[in-house]
Amino acid sequence: MKNNKGTIVELTERASGFIRRVGVKEHLFFHSDDLVGCSFQQLKKGDKLIFNVVESRNGPYAVQVTKL
């Protein structure tokens, strides 16, 4: 279940970006491979997203990312 919400704060040229979550200081990384129902080209700074968070040895990142 996608229970995390956030806003895109940065998009990179490498088809990835960062999400700001309410109440969390650190921004969350996402990659275009984890987008569901939209393409990276359809995203822009300020878009609202829902997603799941998983842990890796590099820290948390967003998966199953959907644009609202």
N, C-alpha and C. Protein backbone atom coordinates (compact mmCIF):
# COMPACT_ATOMS: atom_id res chain seq x y z
N MET A 1 0.84 -1.19 0.00
CA MET A 1 0.00 0.00 0.00
C MET A 1 0.87 1.24 0.00
N LYS A 2 0.54 2.18 -0.84
CA LYS A 2 1.31 3.42 -0.93
C LYS A 2 0.77 4.40 0.10
N ASN A 3 1.51 4.55 1.17
CA ASN A 3 1.02 5.41 2.24
C ASN A 3 1.92 6.60 2.49
N ASN A 4 2.89 6.82 1.62
CA ASN A 4 3.78 7.97 1.77
C ASN A 4 3.44 9.00 0.71
N LYS A 5 3.44 10.26 1.10
CA LYS A 5 3.16 11.35 0.17
C LYS A 5 4.32 12.34 0.21
N GLY A 6 4.59 12.96 -0.93
CA GLY A 6 5.65 13.94 -0.98
C GLY A 6 5.56 14.80 -2.22
N THR A 7 6.51 15.72 -2.32
CA THR A 7 6.57 16.68 -3.42
C THR A 7 7.95 16.63 -4.05
N ILE A 8 8.01 16.67 -5.38
CA ILE A 8 9.29 16.68 -6.06
C ILE A 8 10.00 18.01 -5.80
N VAL A 9 11.24 17.94 -5.31
CA VAL A 9 12.03 19.15 -5.08
C VAL A 9 13.16 19.31 -6.08
N GLU A 10 13.52 18.20 -6.75
CA GLU A 10 14.60 18.28 -7.73
C GLU A 10 14.49 17.13 -8.72
N LEU A 11 14.75 17.42 -9.98
CA LEU A 11 14.85 16.41 -11.03
C LEU A 11 16.23 16.52 -11.65
N THR A 12 16.86 15.39 -11.92
CA THR A 12 18.21 15.40 -12.47
C THR A 12 18.21 15.00 -13.94
N GLU A 13 19.32 15.21 -14.60
CA GLU A 13 19.48 14.80 -16.00
C GLU A 13 19.67 13.30 -16.13
N ARG A 14 19.84 12.61 -15.03
CA ARG A 14 20.07 11.17 -15.05
C ARG A 14 18.79 10.38 -14.77
N ALA A 15 17.63 11.00 -15.06
CA ALA A 15 16.32 10.35 -14.91
C ALA A 15 16.05 9.92 -13.48
N SER A 16 16.39 10.79 -12.56
CA SER A 16 16.11 10.54 -11.15
C SER A 16 15.73 11.87 -10.50
N GLY A 17 15.40 11.81 -9.23
CA GLY A 17 15.04 13.04 -8.54
C GLY A 17 14.96 12.84 -7.04
N PHE A 18 14.49 13.89 -6.37
CA PHE A 18 14.39 13.86 -4.92
C PHE A 18 13.03 14.37 -4.48
N ILE A 19 12.51 13.74 -3.44
CA ILE A 19 11.17 14.02 -2.93
C ILE A 19 11.29 14.58 -1.51
N ARG A 20 10.51 15.64 -1.23
CA ARG A 20 10.41 16.16 0.13
C ARG A 20 9.18 15.54 0.77
N ARG A 21 9.38 14.93 1.94
CA ARG A 21 8.28 14.34 2.70
C ARG A 21 7.95 15.24 3.88
N VAL A 22 6.69 15.30 4.24
CA VAL A 22 6.26 16.11 5.37
C VAL A 22 6.86 15.54 6.65
N GLY A 23 7.49 16.40 7.43
CA GLY A 23 8.04 15.99 8.72
C GLY A 23 9.36 15.25 8.68
N VAL A 24 9.97 15.13 7.50
CA VAL A 24 11.25 14.43 7.36
C VAL A 24 12.26 15.40 6.76
N LYS A 25 13.39 15.59 7.45
CA LYS A 25 14.39 16.57 7.02
C LYS A 25 15.08 16.17 5.71
N GLU A 26 15.50 14.92 5.60
CA GLU A 26 16.25 14.47 4.43
C GLU A 26 15.32 14.23 3.25
N HIS A 27 15.77 14.60 2.06
CA HIS A 27 15.02 14.33 0.85
C HIS A 27 15.21 12.87 0.46
N LEU A 28 14.22 12.32 -0.22
CA LEU A 28 14.20 10.91 -0.58
C LEU A 28 14.48 10.77 -2.07
N PHE A 29 15.41 9.90 -2.43
CA PHE A 29 15.79 9.65 -3.82
C PHE A 29 14.75 8.77 -4.51
N PHE A 30 14.53 9.01 -5.81
CA PHE A 30 13.76 8.08 -6.64
C PHE A 30 14.39 8.03 -8.03
N HIS A 31 14.18 6.93 -8.73
CA HIS A 31 14.68 6.76 -10.08
C HIS A 31 13.51 6.51 -11.02
N SER A 32 13.65 6.89 -12.27
CA SER A 32 12.57 6.74 -13.24
C SER A 32 12.14 5.28 -13.43
N ASP A 33 13.02 4.33 -13.16
CA ASP A 33 12.66 2.91 -13.26
C ASP A 33 11.56 2.54 -12.27
N ASP A 34 11.38 3.34 -11.22
CA ASP A 34 10.39 3.05 -10.18
C ASP A 34 9.08 3.80 -10.37
N LEU A 35 8.90 4.50 -11.50
CA LEU A 35 7.66 5.21 -11.77
C LEU A 35 6.58 4.25 -12.25
N VAL A 36 5.34 4.52 -11.81
CA VAL A 36 4.19 3.71 -12.20
C VAL A 36 3.14 4.64 -12.81
N GLY A 37 2.73 4.37 -14.03
CA GLY A 37 1.65 5.12 -14.66
C GLY A 37 2.03 6.46 -15.25
N CYS A 38 3.31 6.80 -15.29
CA CYS A 38 3.75 8.03 -15.93
C CYS A 38 5.22 7.88 -16.32
N SER A 39 5.66 8.77 -17.18
CA SER A 39 7.07 8.75 -17.58
C SER A 39 7.82 9.87 -16.87
N PHE A 40 9.12 9.77 -16.85
CA PHE A 40 9.95 10.79 -16.20
C PHE A 40 9.74 12.15 -16.87
N GLN A 41 9.52 12.16 -18.17
CA GLN A 41 9.33 13.41 -18.91
C GLN A 41 8.05 14.14 -18.51
N GLN A 42 7.09 13.43 -17.93
CA GLN A 42 5.83 14.04 -17.50
C GLN A 42 5.94 14.71 -16.13
N LEU A 43 7.05 14.52 -15.43
CA LEU A 43 7.21 15.08 -14.09
C LEU A 43 7.82 16.47 -14.13
N LYS A 44 7.47 17.27 -13.11
CA LYS A 44 8.09 18.58 -12.95
C LYS A 44 8.21 18.89 -11.45
N LYS A 45 9.10 19.79 -11.14
CA LYS A 45 9.29 20.21 -9.76
C LYS A 45 7.96 20.71 -9.19
N GLY A 46 7.64 20.27 -7.98
CA GLY A 46 6.40 20.65 -7.33
C GLY A 46 5.28 19.64 -7.46
N ASP A 47 5.43 18.65 -8.36
CA ASP A 47 4.41 17.61 -8.50
C ASP A 47 4.28 16.81 -7.21
N LYS A 48 3.05 16.42 -6.90
CA LYS A 48 2.76 15.58 -5.73
C LYS A 48 2.84 14.12 -6.13
N LEU A 49 3.41 13.30 -5.24
CA LEU A 49 3.60 11.88 -5.50
C LEU A 49 3.13 11.04 -4.31
N ILE A 50 2.79 9.78 -4.59
CA ILE A 50 2.64 8.79 -3.55
C ILE A 50 3.62 7.66 -3.88
N PHE A 51 4.10 6.96 -2.84
CA PHE A 51 5.17 6.00 -3.05
C PHE A 51 5.36 5.13 -1.82
N ASN A 52 6.13 4.07 -1.98
CA ASN A 52 6.60 3.23 -0.88
C ASN A 52 8.07 3.54 -0.65
N VAL A 53 8.54 3.31 0.55
CA VAL A 53 9.94 3.54 0.90
C VAL A 53 10.58 2.20 1.23
N VAL A 54 11.75 1.95 0.64
CA VAL A 54 12.53 0.76 0.96
C VAL A 54 13.92 1.19 1.41
N GLU A 55 14.57 0.32 2.15
CA GLU A 55 15.91 0.58 2.66
C GLU A 55 16.95 -0.16 1.81
N SER A 56 18.07 0.49 1.58
CA SER A 56 19.21 -0.16 0.94
C SER A 56 20.45 0.18 1.75
N ARG A 57 21.56 -0.35 1.38
CA ARG A 57 22.78 -0.01 2.13
C ARG A 57 23.19 1.44 1.92
N ASN A 58 22.64 2.08 0.88
CA ASN A 58 22.89 3.51 0.63
C ASN A 58 21.85 4.41 1.30
N GLY A 59 20.88 3.82 1.97
CA GLY A 59 19.83 4.58 2.63
C GLY A 59 18.48 4.34 2.00
N PRO A 60 17.46 5.02 2.49
CA PRO A 60 16.11 4.81 1.96
C PRO A 60 15.93 5.43 0.59
N TYR A 61 15.02 4.84 -0.20
CA TYR A 61 14.65 5.43 -1.49
C TYR A 61 13.20 5.05 -1.80
N ALA A 62 12.61 5.79 -2.74
CA ALA A 62 11.21 5.60 -3.09
C ALA A 62 11.06 4.59 -4.23
N VAL A 63 10.05 3.72 -4.11
CA VAL A 63 9.70 2.78 -5.16
C VAL A 63 8.20 2.86 -5.41
N GLN A 64 7.73 2.29 -6.50
CA GLN A 64 6.31 2.32 -6.87
C GLN A 64 5.78 3.75 -6.79
N VAL A 65 6.49 4.66 -7.43
CA VAL A 65 6.19 6.09 -7.38
C VAL A 65 5.09 6.43 -8.39
N THR A 66 4.02 7.07 -7.89
CA THR A 66 2.88 7.43 -8.73
C THR A 66 2.60 8.92 -8.58
N LYS A 67 2.37 9.59 -9.70
CA LYS A 67 2.02 11.01 -9.69
C LYS A 67 0.54 11.16 -9.32
N LEU A 68 0.26 12.11 -8.45
CA LEU A 68 -1.14 12.38 -8.08
C LEU A 68 -1.77 13.35 -9.04
